[in-house]
């Protein structure tokens, strides 16, 4: 049986770690690009670790950066991937207002550098671009593949640029390149500054007596929140189709930030109104009011549908935070679904 090789940018992030697990379960050899830093930032994939000197190692990490097109080309030549999953970039919407130039370079131009490297090296690989519901912005819900984009942040604008570059390379050069337009997807592996993780962490810490309040911004914004572990399967399914296309991935149900906060605190046995405070510093200059995805195309063609929505997700995330506080760390249920006998090389 032919073993497929995949390259993941952003492998140390939430989505990258779940995707690496999925691909390894499916028998792939997986290579990931990691930014060089003075501290280790691989904690989300540490449970996959295996000594790189062992002969059956199937996960390999390489230093690289999306701002360095030469390095990207060299890695593609070395790895010779069958599939490329492009998940990396500056992904925090609020931060993009503070760092618009960097966001455009990493999130927008980084995609172009990767596409151009694939084209010039002549690799016959399949390419996945991590597009975002933030591209829809102010467009009225529900949003689907034909909805016009109206981004309301530098992040959203950069993602629109990357989306159209992906389509352009597909149409101009015949590349197998797809856009996965994923609506908000969360998990216990979400970055600590994202609102869902921030709220889940606060609920657990308040229950443990480690803090008393949490400061948040706009509680009225509505989002379509799904479970990241399920969404990476949709990414994989997109690259298994005969023809490349673009797909919205979502649950089809939206909840306000206030409702998600209430669900997290209720799961912890708390009344959120006693512990949540408003801080205008967390407001965006322009807000996205309501995102609700229509993923009927993905269900029809990919056979994908979500099973976890925001209320269940709130419980998963709060439980994970409480378990982490109890320490020492033990393998979580989601970790034990993947055999630790398969692993990673630095």
C-alpha atoms as a PDB file:
ATOM      1  CA  UNK A   1       0.000   0.000   0.000  1.00  0.00           C
ATOM      2  CA  UNK A   2       1.295   3.438  -0.940  1.00  0.00           C
ATOM      3  CA  UNK A   3       1.901   5.623   2.114  1.00  0.00           C
ATOM      4  CA  UNK A   4       0.883   9.261   1.667  1.00  0.00           C
ATOM      5  CA  UNK A   5       3.003  12.150   2.913  1.00  0.00           C
ATOM      6  CA  UNK A   6       1.471  15.354   4.255  1.00  0.00           C
ATOM      7  CA  UNK A   7       3.013  18.716   5.137  1.00  0.00           C
ATOM      8  CA  UNK A   8       1.247  20.873   7.737  1.00  0.00           C
ATOM      9  CA  UNK A   9       2.004  24.532   8.345  1.00  0.00           C
ATOM     10  CA  UNK A  10       0.855  25.577  11.809  1.00  0.00           C
ATOM     11  CA  UNK A  11       1.197  22.027  13.143  1.00  0.00           C
ATOM     12  CA  UNK A  12       1.766  23.283  16.705  1.00  0.00           C
ATOM     13  CA  UNK A  13      -1.581  25.098  16.765  1.00  0.00           C
ATOM     14  CA  UNK A  14      -4.976  23.779  17.796  1.00  0.00           C
ATOM     15  CA  UNK A  15      -6.010  22.585  14.329  1.00  0.00           C
ATOM     16  CA  UNK A  16      -2.544  21.385  13.397  1.00  0.00           C
ATOM     17  CA  UNK A  17      -2.318  19.084  16.404  1.00  0.00           C
ATOM     18  CA  UNK A  18      -5.709  17.475  15.773  1.00  0.00           C
ATOM     19  CA  UNK A  19      -4.956  17.135  12.066  1.00  0.00           C
ATOM     20  CA  UNK A  20      -1.594  15.494  12.779  1.00  0.00           C
ATOM     21  CA  UNK A  21      -3.362  12.933  14.965  1.00  0.00           C
ATOM     22  CA  UNK A  22      -5.944  12.227  12.256  1.00  0.00           C
ATOM     23  CA  UNK A  23      -3.373  11.813   9.492  1.00  0.00           C
ATOM     24  CA  UNK A  24      -1.174   9.540  11.602  1.00  0.00           C
ATOM     25  CA  UNK A  25      -4.195   7.387  12.402  1.00  0.00           C
ATOM     26  CA  UNK A  26      -4.816   7.180   8.662  1.00  0.00           C
ATOM     27  CA  UNK A  27      -1.297   5.895   8.034  1.00  0.00           C
ATOM     28  CA  UNK A  28       0.344   9.070   6.716  1.00  0.00           C
ATOM     29  CA  UNK A  29       3.902  10.241   7.138  1.00  0.00           C
ATOM     30  CA  UNK A  30       3.462  13.756   8.514  1.00  0.00           C
ATOM     31  CA  UNK A  31       5.860  16.692   8.311  1.00  0.00           C
ATOM     32  CA  UNK A  32       5.211  19.944  10.161  1.00  0.00           C
ATOM     33  CA  UNK A  33       6.700  23.420   9.874  1.00  0.00           C
ATOM     34  CA  UNK A  34       7.608  25.077  13.178  1.00  0.00           C
ATOM     35  CA  UNK A  35       8.802  28.641  13.748  1.00  0.00           C
ATOM     36  CA  UNK A  36      12.163  28.934  15.464  1.00  0.00           C
ATOM     37  CA  UNK A  37      11.844  30.291  19.012  1.00  0.00           C
ATOM     38  CA  UNK A  38      14.007  30.359  22.120  1.00  0.00           C
ATOM     39  CA  UNK A  39      11.359  28.383  23.990  1.00  0.00           C
ATOM     40  CA  UNK A  40       9.611  25.154  22.998  1.00  0.00           C
ATOM     41  CA  UNK A  41       6.141  25.701  21.541  1.00  0.00           C
ATOM     42  CA  UNK A  42       5.222  22.116  20.714  1.00  0.00           C
ATOM     43  CA  UNK A  43       3.115  21.286  23.787  1.00  0.00           C
ATOM     44  CA  UNK A  44       0.009  20.464  21.716  1.00  0.00           C
ATOM     45  CA  UNK A  45       1.845  17.660  19.930  1.00  0.00           C
ATOM     46  CA  UNK A  46       4.177  16.497  22.707  1.00  0.00           C
ATOM     47  CA  UNK A  47       1.913  13.508  23.383  1.00  0.00           C
ATOM     48  CA  UNK A  48       2.815  12.298  19.879  1.00  0.00           C
ATOM     49  CA  UNK A  49       6.540  12.357  20.565  1.00  0.00           C
ATOM     50  CA  UNK A  50       8.749   9.453  19.594  1.00  0.00           C
ATOM     51  CA  UNK A  51      12.533   9.284  19.403  1.00  0.00           C
ATOM     52  CA  UNK A  52      13.438  10.325  15.840  1.00  0.00           C
ATOM     53  CA  UNK A  53      16.133   7.635  15.731  1.00  0.00           C
ATOM     54  CA  UNK A  54      13.537   4.868  15.848  1.00  0.00           C
ATOM     55  CA  UNK A  55      12.777   3.354  12.435  1.00  0.00           C
ATOM     56  CA  UNK A  56       8.968   3.646  12.527  1.00  0.00           C
ATOM     57  CA  UNK A  57       8.818   7.371  13.288  1.00  0.00           C
ATOM     58  CA  UNK A  58       6.216   9.029  11.072  1.00  0.00           C
ATOM     59  CA  UNK A  59       6.091  12.628  12.282  1.00  0.00           C
ATOM     60  CA  UNK A  60       8.904  15.060  11.531  1.00  0.00           C
ATOM     61  CA  UNK A  61       9.261  18.750  12.383  1.00  0.00           C
ATOM     62  CA  UNK A  62      11.184  21.342  10.376  1.00  0.00           C
ATOM     63  CA  UNK A  63      12.030  24.950  11.128  1.00  0.00           C
ATOM     64  CA  UNK A  64      10.520  27.399   8.675  1.00  0.00           C
ATOM     65  CA  UNK A  65       8.606  30.653   8.338  1.00  0.00           C
ATOM     66  CA  UNK A  66       5.900  31.848   5.951  1.00  0.00           C
ATOM     67  CA  UNK A  67       7.818  35.076   5.358  1.00  0.00           C
ATOM     68  CA  UNK A  68      10.707  33.102   3.783  1.00  0.00           C
ATOM     69  CA  UNK A  69       9.730  31.825   0.357  1.00  0.00           C
ATOM     70  CA  UNK A  70      13.144  30.283  -0.309  1.00  0.00           C
ATOM     71  CA  UNK A  71      12.933  28.116   2.799  1.00  0.00           C
ATOM     72  CA  UNK A  72       9.396  27.028   1.915  1.00  0.00           C
ATOM     73  CA  UNK A  73      10.526  25.918  -1.550  1.00  0.00           C
ATOM     74  CA  UNK A  74      13.453  23.997  -0.064  1.00  0.00           C
ATOM     75  CA  UNK A  75      11.170  22.174   2.374  1.00  0.00           C
ATOM     76  CA  UNK A  76       8.750  21.220  -0.386  1.00  0.00           C
ATOM     77  CA  UNK A  77      11.604  19.820  -2.453  1.00  0.00           C
ATOM     78  CA  UNK A  78      12.851  17.837   0.548  1.00  0.00           C
ATOM     79  CA  UNK A  79       9.526  16.508   1.828  1.00  0.00           C
ATOM     80  CA  UNK A  80       7.795  15.876  -1.550  1.00  0.00           C
ATOM     81  CA  UNK A  81       4.313  15.934   0.045  1.00  0.00           C
ATOM     82  CA  UNK A  82       1.194  14.470  -1.539  1.00  0.00           C
ATOM     83  CA  UNK A  83      -0.950  16.883   0.477  1.00  0.00           C
ATOM     84  CA  UNK A  84      -0.209  20.316   1.942  1.00  0.00           C
ATOM     85  CA  UNK A  85      -2.416  21.691   4.721  1.00  0.00           C
ATOM     86  CA  UNK A  86      -1.840  25.403   5.191  1.00  0.00           C
ATOM     87  CA  UNK A  87      -3.054  26.322   8.684  1.00  0.00           C
ATOM     88  CA  UNK A  88      -0.401  28.820   9.819  1.00  0.00           C
ATOM     89  CA  UNK A  89      -0.765  32.591  10.107  1.00  0.00           C
ATOM     90  CA  UNK A  90      -1.569  35.388  12.536  1.00  0.00           C
ATOM     91  CA  UNK A  91      -4.995  34.126  13.579  1.00  0.00           C
ATOM     92  CA  UNK A  92      -6.209  36.454  16.341  1.00  0.00           C
ATOM     93  CA  UNK A  93      -8.833  38.875  15.020  1.00  0.00           C
ATOM     94  CA  UNK A  94      -8.457  41.527  17.726  1.00  0.00           C
ATOM     95  CA  UNK A  95      -4.654  41.464  17.459  1.00  0.00           C
ATOM     96  CA  UNK A  96      -4.908  42.026  13.697  1.00  0.00           C
ATOM     97  CA  UNK A  97      -6.140  45.578  14.362  1.00  0.00           C
ATOM     98  CA  UNK A  98      -2.935  46.244  16.308  1.00  0.00           C
ATOM     99  CA  UNK A  99      -0.674  44.480  13.810  1.00  0.00           C
ATOM    100  CA  UNK A 100      -2.330  44.837  10.394  1.00  0.00           C
ATOM    101  CA  UNK A 101       0.891  44.809   8.375  1.00  0.00           C
ATOM    102  CA  UNK A 102       2.223  41.635   9.993  1.00  0.00           C
ATOM    103  CA  UNK A 103      -1.200  39.996   9.644  1.00  0.00           C
ATOM    104  CA  UNK A 104      -1.272  40.802   5.944  1.00  0.00           C
ATOM    105  CA  UNK A 105       2.243  39.479   5.448  1.00  0.00           C
ATOM    106  CA  UNK A 106       1.882  36.231   7.390  1.00  0.00           C
ATOM    107  CA  UNK A 107      -1.768  35.404   6.741  1.00  0.00           C
ATOM    108  CA  UNK A 108      -2.156  36.814   3.231  1.00  0.00           C
ATOM    109  CA  UNK A 109       1.213  36.866   1.497  1.00  0.00           C
ATOM    110  CA  UNK A 110       2.339  33.736   3.327  1.00  0.00           C
ATOM    111  CA  UNK A 111      -0.318  31.811   1.404  1.00  0.00           C
ATOM    112  CA  UNK A 112       0.934  33.254  -1.884  1.00  0.00           C
ATOM    113  CA  UNK A 113       4.517  32.248  -1.093  1.00  0.00           C
ATOM    114  CA  UNK A 114       3.405  28.693  -0.416  1.00  0.00           C
ATOM    115  CA  UNK A 115       1.265  28.454  -3.551  1.00  0.00           C
ATOM    116  CA  UNK A 116       4.043  29.902  -5.684  1.00  0.00           C
ATOM    117  CA  UNK A 117       6.557  27.490  -4.180  1.00  0.00           C
ATOM    118  CA  UNK A 118       4.297  24.558  -5.076  1.00  0.00           C
ATOM    119  CA  UNK A 119       3.891  25.895  -8.617  1.00  0.00           C
ATOM    120  CA  UNK A 120       7.570  26.567  -9.279  1.00  0.00           C
ATOM    121  CA  UNK A 121       8.748  23.258  -7.822  1.00  0.00           C
ATOM    122  CA  UNK A 122       6.205  21.456  -9.984  1.00  0.00           C
ATOM    123  CA  UNK A 123       4.955  19.225  -7.180  1.00  0.00           C
ATOM    124  CA  UNK A 124       1.684  17.447  -8.061  1.00  0.00           C
ATOM    125  CA  UNK A 125       0.408  17.850  -4.481  1.00  0.00           C
ATOM    126  CA  UNK A 126      -3.039  18.800  -3.227  1.00  0.00           C
ATOM    127  CA  UNK A 127      -3.313  22.069  -1.296  1.00  0.00           C
ATOM    128  CA  UNK A 128      -5.685  23.045   1.519  1.00  0.00           C
ATOM    129  CA  UNK A 129      -6.100  26.696   2.490  1.00  0.00           C
ATOM    130  CA  UNK A 130      -7.535  27.480   5.939  1.00  0.00           C
ATOM    131  CA  UNK A 131     -10.072  30.145   5.063  1.00  0.00           C
ATOM    132  CA  UNK A 132     -12.285  31.736   7.699  1.00  0.00           C
ATOM    133  CA  UNK A 133     -15.847  32.799   8.400  1.00  0.00           C
ATOM    134  CA  UNK A 134     -14.377  36.215   9.270  1.00  0.00           C
ATOM    135  CA  UNK A 135     -14.238  36.800   5.511  1.00  0.00           C
ATOM    136  CA  UNK A 136     -18.043  37.141   5.558  1.00  0.00           C
ATOM    137  CA  UNK A 137     -17.947  39.813   8.249  1.00  0.00           C
ATOM    138  CA  UNK A 138     -21.016  42.003   7.886  1.00  0.00           C
ATOM    139  CA  UNK A 139     -22.730  39.768   5.310  1.00  0.00           C
ATOM    140  CA  UNK A 140     -26.178  38.695   6.586  1.00  0.00           C
ATOM    141  CA  UNK A 141     -26.531  35.111   7.861  1.00  0.00           C
ATOM    142  CA  UNK A 142     -26.685  32.300   7.076  1.00  0.00           C
ATOM    143  CA  UNK A 143     -23.439  32.424   5.117  1.00  0.00           C
ATOM    144  CA  UNK A 144     -22.565  29.810   2.490  1.00  0.00           C
ATOM    145  CA  UNK A 145     -20.125  29.329  -0.384  1.00  0.00           C
ATOM    146  CA  UNK A 146     -21.873  31.898  -2.603  1.00  0.00           C
ATOM    147  CA  UNK A 147     -22.250  34.616   0.052  1.00  0.00           C
ATOM    148  CA  UNK A 148     -20.357  37.811  -0.792  1.00  0.00           C
ATOM    149  CA  UNK A 149     -17.440  38.660   1.459  1.00  0.00           C
ATOM    150  CA  UNK A 150     -17.527  41.786   3.633  1.00  0.00           C
ATOM    151  CA  UNK A 151     -14.595  41.448   6.071  1.00  0.00           C
ATOM    152  CA  UNK A 152     -14.509  43.695   9.118  1.00  0.00           C
ATOM    153  CA  UNK A 153     -10.926  43.244  10.322  1.00  0.00           C
ATOM    154  CA  UNK A 154      -7.380  43.142   8.911  1.00  0.00           C
ATOM    155  CA  UNK A 155      -7.457  39.415   9.628  1.00  0.00           C
ATOM    156  CA  UNK A 156     -10.630  38.974   7.582  1.00  0.00           C
ATOM    157  CA  UNK A 157      -9.188  41.048   4.732  1.00  0.00           C
ATOM    158  CA  UNK A 158      -5.974  38.976   4.719  1.00  0.00           C
ATOM    159  CA  UNK A 159      -8.022  35.773   4.611  1.00  0.00           C
ATOM    160  CA  UNK A 160     -10.058  37.075   1.653  1.00  0.00           C
ATOM    161  CA  UNK A 161      -6.798  37.777  -0.212  1.00  0.00           C
ATOM    162  CA  UNK A 162      -5.541  34.259   0.556  1.00  0.00           C
ATOM    163  CA  UNK A 163      -8.879  32.759  -0.513  1.00  0.00           C
ATOM    164  CA  UNK A 164      -8.783  34.431  -3.919  1.00  0.00           C
ATOM    165  CA  UNK A 165      -5.119  33.592  -4.445  1.00  0.00           C
ATOM    166  CA  UNK A 166      -5.957  29.942  -3.809  1.00  0.00           C
ATOM    167  CA  UNK A 167      -8.786  30.054  -6.335  1.00  0.00           C
ATOM    168  CA  UNK A 168      -6.594  31.922  -8.810  1.00  0.00           C
ATOM    169  CA  UNK A 169      -3.861  29.287  -8.674  1.00  0.00           C
ATOM    170  CA  UNK A 170      -6.493  26.584  -9.114  1.00  0.00           C
ATOM    171  CA  UNK A 171      -8.047  28.273 -12.135  1.00  0.00           C
ATOM    172  CA  UNK A 172      -4.870  29.663 -13.728  1.00  0.00           C
ATOM    173  CA  UNK A 173      -2.509  26.720 -13.252  1.00  0.00           C
ATOM    174  CA  UNK A 174      -4.810  23.751 -12.777  1.00  0.00           C
ATOM    175  CA  UNK A 175      -3.574  23.156  -9.247  1.00  0.00           C
ATOM    176  CA  UNK A 176      -5.584  21.015  -6.879  1.00  0.00           C
ATOM    177  CA  UNK A 177      -6.230  23.827  -4.367  1.00  0.00           C
ATOM    178  CA  UNK A 178      -9.235  24.124  -2.058  1.00  0.00           C
ATOM    179  CA  UNK A 179     -10.531  26.593   0.493  1.00  0.00           C
ATOM    180  CA  UNK A 180     -12.037  25.282   3.701  1.00  0.00           C
ATOM    181  CA  UNK A 181     -14.159  28.157   5.031  1.00  0.00           C
ATOM    182  CA  UNK A 182     -14.307  27.107   8.656  1.00  0.00           C
ATOM    183  CA  UNK A 183     -16.550  28.882  11.114  1.00  0.00           C
ATOM    184  CA  UNK A 184     -15.385  29.263  14.715  1.00  0.00           C
ATOM    185  CA  UNK A 185     -14.068  25.968  16.042  1.00  0.00           C
ATOM    186  CA  UNK A 186     -12.789  25.572  19.569  1.00  0.00           C
ATOM    187  CA  UNK A 187     -11.360  22.981  21.948  1.00  0.00           C
ATOM    188  CA  UNK A 188      -9.287  22.648  25.117  1.00  0.00           C
ATOM    189  CA  UNK A 189      -6.265  23.263  22.859  1.00  0.00           C
ATOM    190  CA  UNK A 190      -7.445  26.735  21.851  1.00  0.00           C
ATOM    191  CA  UNK A 191      -4.995  29.560  22.554  1.00  0.00           C
ATOM    192  CA  UNK A 192      -5.484  31.116  26.011  1.00  0.00           C
ATOM    193  CA  UNK A 193      -6.288  34.601  24.656  1.00  0.00           C
ATOM    194  CA  UNK A 194      -9.265  33.448  22.549  1.00  0.00           C
ATOM    195  CA  UNK A 195     -12.567  34.197  24.241  1.00  0.00           C
ATOM    196  CA  UNK A 196     -13.836  30.613  24.533  1.00  0.00           C
ATOM    197  CA  UNK A 197     -10.666  29.351  26.194  1.00  0.00           C
ATOM    198  CA  UNK A 198     -10.421  32.490  28.327  1.00  0.00           C
ATOM    199  CA  UNK A 199     -13.955  31.964  29.640  1.00  0.00           C
ATOM    200  CA  UNK A 200     -13.513  28.215  30.241  1.00  0.00           C
ATOM    201  CA  UNK A 201     -10.259  28.855  32.095  1.00  0.00           C
ATOM    202  CA  UNK A 202     -11.860  31.562  34.221  1.00  0.00           C
ATOM    203  CA  UNK A 203     -14.797  29.338  35.182  1.00  0.00           C
ATOM    204  CA  UNK A 204     -12.423  26.599  36.336  1.00  0.00           C
ATOM    205  CA  UNK A 205     -10.096  28.947  38.205  1.00  0.00           C
ATOM    206  CA  UNK A 206     -12.946  30.751  39.953  1.00  0.00           C
ATOM    207  CA  UNK A 207     -14.355  27.398  41.071  1.00  0.00           C
ATOM    208  CA  UNK A 208     -10.920  26.522  42.456  1.00  0.00           C
ATOM    209  CA  UNK A 209     -10.661  29.862  44.273  1.00  0.00           C
ATOM    210  CA  UNK A 210      -7.740  31.059  42.146  1.00  0.00           C
ATOM    211  CA  UNK A 211      -9.473  34.183  40.775  1.00  0.00           C
ATOM    212  CA  UNK A 212     -12.741  35.999  41.249  1.00  0.00           C
ATOM    213  CA  UNK A 213     -13.579  37.851  38.017  1.00  0.00           C
ATOM    214  CA  UNK A 214     -12.869  37.794  34.291  1.00  0.00           C
ATOM    215  CA  UNK A 215     -12.907  40.821  31.979  1.00  0.00           C
ATOM    216  CA  UNK A 216     -14.585  40.543  28.585  1.00  0.00           C
ATOM    217  CA  UNK A 217     -15.659  42.798  25.720  1.00  0.00           C
ATOM    218  CA  UNK A 218     -18.736  42.501  23.494  1.00  0.00           C
ATOM    219  CA  UNK A 219     -21.105  39.867  24.882  1.00  0.00           C
ATOM    220  CA  UNK A 220     -23.724  40.340  22.147  1.00  0.00           C
ATOM    221  CA  UNK A 221     -21.681  39.075  19.167  1.00  0.00           C
ATOM    222  CA  UNK A 222     -23.030  35.760  17.886  1.00  0.00           C
ATOM    223  CA  UNK A 223     -20.867  32.945  16.561  1.00  0.00           C
ATOM    224  CA  UNK A 224     -21.313  29.477  15.097  1.00  0.00           C
ATOM    225  CA  UNK A 225     -19.043  27.443  17.388  1.00  0.00           C
ATOM    226  CA  UNK A 226     -17.997  23.873  16.596  1.00  0.00           C
ATOM    227  CA  UNK A 227     -15.434  21.371  17.874  1.00  0.00           C
ATOM    228  CA  UNK A 228     -12.006  21.608  16.246  1.00  0.00           C
ATOM    229  CA  UNK A 229     -11.368  17.860  16.504  1.00  0.00           C
ATOM    230  CA  UNK A 230     -14.336  17.286  14.185  1.00  0.00           C
ATOM    231  CA  UNK A 231     -13.475  20.086  11.777  1.00  0.00           C
ATOM    232  CA  UNK A 232     -10.054  18.709  10.828  1.00  0.00           C
ATOM    233  CA  UNK A 233     -11.753  15.634   9.386  1.00  0.00           C
ATOM    234  CA  UNK A 234     -13.572  17.939   6.974  1.00  0.00           C
ATOM    235  CA  UNK A 235     -10.187  19.359   5.906  1.00  0.00           C
ATOM    236  CA  UNK A 236      -8.933  15.878   5.118  1.00  0.00           C
ATOM    237  CA  UNK A 237     -12.092  14.904   3.263  1.00  0.00           C
ATOM    238  CA  UNK A 238     -11.791  17.944   0.995  1.00  0.00           C
ATOM    239  CA  UNK A 239      -8.444  16.697  -0.327  1.00  0.00           C
ATOM    240  CA  UNK A 240      -9.800  13.187  -0.997  1.00  0.00           C
ATOM    241  CA  UNK A 241     -12.326  14.348  -3.613  1.00  0.00           C
ATOM    242  CA  UNK A 242     -11.792  13.839  -7.344  1.00  0.00           C
ATOM    243  CA  UNK A 243     -12.098  17.559  -8.059  1.00  0.00           C
ATOM    244  CA  UNK A 244     -11.007  20.577  -5.981  1.00  0.00           C
ATOM    245  CA  UNK A 245     -13.704  22.877  -4.617  1.00  0.00           C
ATOM    246  CA  UNK A 246     -14.434  25.227  -1.711  1.00  0.00           C
ATOM    247  CA  UNK A 247     -16.569  24.316   1.302  1.00  0.00           C
ATOM    248  CA  UNK A 248     -18.154  26.001   4.319  1.00  0.00           C
ATOM    249  CA  UNK A 249     -17.738  24.008   7.542  1.00  0.00           C
ATOM    250  CA  UNK A 250     -20.089  24.967  10.383  1.00  0.00           C
ATOM    251  CA  UNK A 251     -22.764  23.706  12.788  1.00  0.00           C
ATOM    252  CA  UNK A 252     -25.555  25.912  11.437  1.00  0.00           C
ATOM    253  CA  UNK A 253     -26.407  27.263  14.904  1.00  0.00           C
ATOM    254  CA  UNK A 254     -25.191  30.490  16.502  1.00  0.00           C
ATOM    255  CA  UNK A 255     -24.895  31.498  20.136  1.00  0.00           C
ATOM    256  CA  UNK A 256     -23.993  34.846  21.648  1.00  0.00           C
ATOM    257  CA  UNK A 257     -20.813  35.262  23.648  1.00  0.00           C
ATOM    258  CA  UNK A 258     -23.083  35.872  26.626  1.00  0.00           C
ATOM    259  CA  UNK A 259     -24.775  32.497  26.112  1.00  0.00           C
ATOM    260  CA  UNK A 260     -21.431  30.703  25.826  1.00  0.00           C
ATOM    261  CA  UNK A 261     -20.257  32.407  29.030  1.00  0.00           C
ATOM    262  CA  UNK A 262     -23.452  31.357  30.794  1.00  0.00           C
ATOM    263  CA  UNK A 263     -23.012  27.747  29.620  1.00  0.00           C
ATOM    264  CA  UNK A 264     -19.401  27.576  30.845  1.00  0.00           C
ATOM    265  CA  UNK A 265     -20.147  29.062  34.245  1.00  0.00           C
ATOM    266  CA  UNK A 266     -23.287  26.972  34.723  1.00  0.00           C
ATOM    267  CA  UNK A 267     -21.264  23.832  33.979  1.00  0.00           C
ATOM    268  CA  UNK A 268     -18.916  24.901  36.778  1.00  0.00           C
ATOM    269  CA  UNK A 269     -21.848  25.546  39.119  1.00  0.00           C
ATOM    270  CA  UNK A 270     -21.489  29.329  39.000  1.00  0.00           C
ATOM    271  CA  UNK A 271     -23.653  32.340  38.125  1.00  0.00           C
ATOM    272  CA  UNK A 272     -21.679  34.201  35.462  1.00  0.00           C
ATOM    273  CA  UNK A 273     -23.199  37.557  36.467  1.00  0.00           C
ATOM    274  CA  UNK A 274     -21.276  37.412  39.734  1.00  0.00           C
ATOM    275  CA  UNK A 275     -17.898  37.128  38.014  1.00  0.00           C
ATOM    276  CA  UNK A 276     -17.907  38.775  34.546  1.00  0.00           C
ATOM    277  CA  UNK A 277     -16.836  42.399  34.124  1.00  0.00           C
ATOM    278  CA  UNK A 278     -16.780  44.577  31.000  1.00  0.00           C
ATOM    279  CA  UNK A 279     -13.546  46.069  29.606  1.00  0.00           C
ATOM    280  CA  UNK A 280     -13.756  48.247  26.509  1.00  0.00           C
ATOM    281  CA  UNK A 281     -10.160  47.388  25.591  1.00  0.00           C
ATOM    282  CA  UNK A 282     -11.445  44.054  24.293  1.00  0.00           C
ATOM    283  CA  UNK A 283     -13.834  45.696  21.815  1.00  0.00           C
ATOM    284  CA  UNK A 284     -12.954  45.660  18.117  1.00  0.00           C
ATOM    285  CA  UNK A 285     -12.998  48.902  16.090  1.00  0.00           C
ATOM    286  CA  UNK A 286     -15.464  47.162  13.755  1.00  0.00           C
ATOM    287  CA  UNK A 287     -17.527  44.226  14.981  1.00  0.00           C
ATOM    288  CA  UNK A 288     -18.924  41.155  13.250  1.00  0.00           C
ATOM    289  CA  UNK A 289     -22.412  40.768  14.669  1.00  0.00           C
ATOM    290  CA  UNK A 290     -23.627  37.358  13.576  1.00  0.00           C
ATOM    291  CA  UNK A 291     -21.942  34.411  11.842  1.00  0.00           C
ATOM    292  CA  UNK A 292     -24.020  31.321  11.044  1.00  0.00           C
ATOM    293  CA  UNK A 293     -22.708  28.842   8.502  1.00  0.00           C
ATOM    294  CA  UNK A 294     -24.643  26.738   6.012  1.00  0.00           C
ATOM    295  CA  UNK A 295     -22.581  23.560   5.595  1.00  0.00           C
ATOM    296  CA  UNK A 296     -25.134  21.665   3.483  1.00  0.00           C
ATOM    297  CA  UNK A 297     -22.673  21.398   0.572  1.00  0.00           C
ATOM    298  CA  UNK A 298     -20.100  19.722   2.811  1.00  0.00           C
ATOM    299  CA  UNK A 299     -22.701  17.271   4.078  1.00  0.00           C
ATOM    300  CA  UNK A 300     -23.898  16.486   0.554  1.00  0.00           C
ATOM    301  CA  UNK A 301     -20.501  16.063  -1.118  1.00  0.00           C
ATOM    302  CA  UNK A 302     -18.066  15.248   1.696  1.00  0.00           C
ATOM    303  CA  UNK A 303     -20.478  13.304   3.880  1.00  0.00           C
ATOM    304  CA  UNK A 304     -19.411  15.484   6.822  1.00  0.00           C
ATOM    305  CA  UNK A 305     -21.651  16.764   9.579  1.00  0.00           C
ATOM    306  CA  UNK A 306     -20.890  18.036  13.100  1.00  0.00           C
ATOM    307  CA  UNK A 307     -22.059  16.377  16.306  1.00  0.00           C
ATOM    308  CA  UNK A 308     -20.850  18.913  18.913  1.00  0.00           C
ATOM    309  CA  UNK A 309     -22.387  22.378  19.297  1.00  0.00           C
ATOM    310  CA  UNK A 310     -21.649  25.200  21.715  1.00  0.00           C
ATOM    311  CA  UNK A 311     -23.390  23.838  24.856  1.00  0.00           C
ATOM    312  CA  UNK A 312     -21.507  20.525  24.669  1.00  0.00           C
ATOM    313  CA  UNK A 313     -18.315  22.331  23.715  1.00  0.00           C
ATOM    314  CA  UNK A 314     -18.549  24.563  26.790  1.00  0.00           C
ATOM    315  CA  UNK A 315     -18.671  21.471  28.992  1.00  0.00           C
ATOM    316  CA  UNK A 316     -15.732  19.821  27.224  1.00  0.00           C
ATOM    317  CA  UNK A 317     -13.580  22.919  27.655  1.00  0.00           C
ATOM    318  CA  UNK A 318     -14.469  23.599  31.293  1.00  0.00           C
ATOM    319  CA  UNK A 319     -13.905  19.943  32.227  1.00  0.00           C
ATOM    320  CA  UNK A 320     -10.468  20.057  30.575  1.00  0.00           C
ATOM    321  CA  UNK A 321      -9.518  23.208  32.504  1.00  0.00           C
ATOM    322  CA  UNK A 322     -10.641  21.674  35.798  1.00  0.00           C
ATOM    323  CA  UNK A 323      -8.639  18.512  35.067  1.00  0.00           C
ATOM    324  CA  UNK A 324      -5.565  20.607  34.277  1.00  0.00           C
ATOM    325  CA  UNK A 325      -5.870  22.413  37.612  1.00  0.00           C
ATOM    326  CA  UNK A 326      -6.030  19.117  39.465  1.00  0.00           C
ATOM    327  CA  UNK A 327      -2.680  18.027  37.862  1.00  0.00           C
ATOM    328  CA  UNK A 328      -0.299  16.430  37.459  1.00  0.00           C
ATOM    329  CA  UNK A 329      -1.114  16.099  33.807  1.00  0.00           C
ATOM    330  CA  UNK A 330      -2.541  12.779  32.685  1.00  0.00           C
ATOM    331  CA  UNK A 331      -3.589  11.743  29.159  1.00  0.00           C
ATOM    332  CA  UNK A 332      -6.991  13.179  28.320  1.00  0.00           C
ATOM    333  CA  UNK A 333      -9.699  11.176  26.581  1.00  0.00           C
ATOM    334  CA  UNK A 334      -8.992  12.935  23.302  1.00  0.00           C
ATOM    335  CA  UNK A 335      -5.277  12.074  23.611  1.00  0.00           C
ATOM    336  CA  UNK A 336      -5.866   8.384  24.336  1.00  0.00           C
ATOM    337  CA  UNK A 337      -7.820   7.993  21.111  1.00  0.00           C
ATOM    338  CA  UNK A 338      -4.428   8.068  19.378  1.00  0.00           C
ATOM    339  CA  UNK A 339      -1.820   5.437  20.110  1.00  0.00           C
ATOM    340  CA  UNK A 340       1.369   6.979  21.557  1.00  0.00           C
ATOM    341  CA  UNK A 341       3.366   4.332  19.715  1.00  0.00           C
ATOM    342  CA  UNK A 342       3.347   6.479  16.581  1.00  0.00           C
ATOM    343  CA  UNK A 343       5.343   9.630  16.652  1.00  0.00           C
ATOM    344  CA  UNK A 344       7.388  12.790  16.113  1.00  0.00           C
ATOM    345  CA  UNK A 345      10.941  13.769  15.366  1.00  0.00           C
ATOM    346  CA  UNK A 346      12.439  17.159  16.110  1.00  0.00           C
END
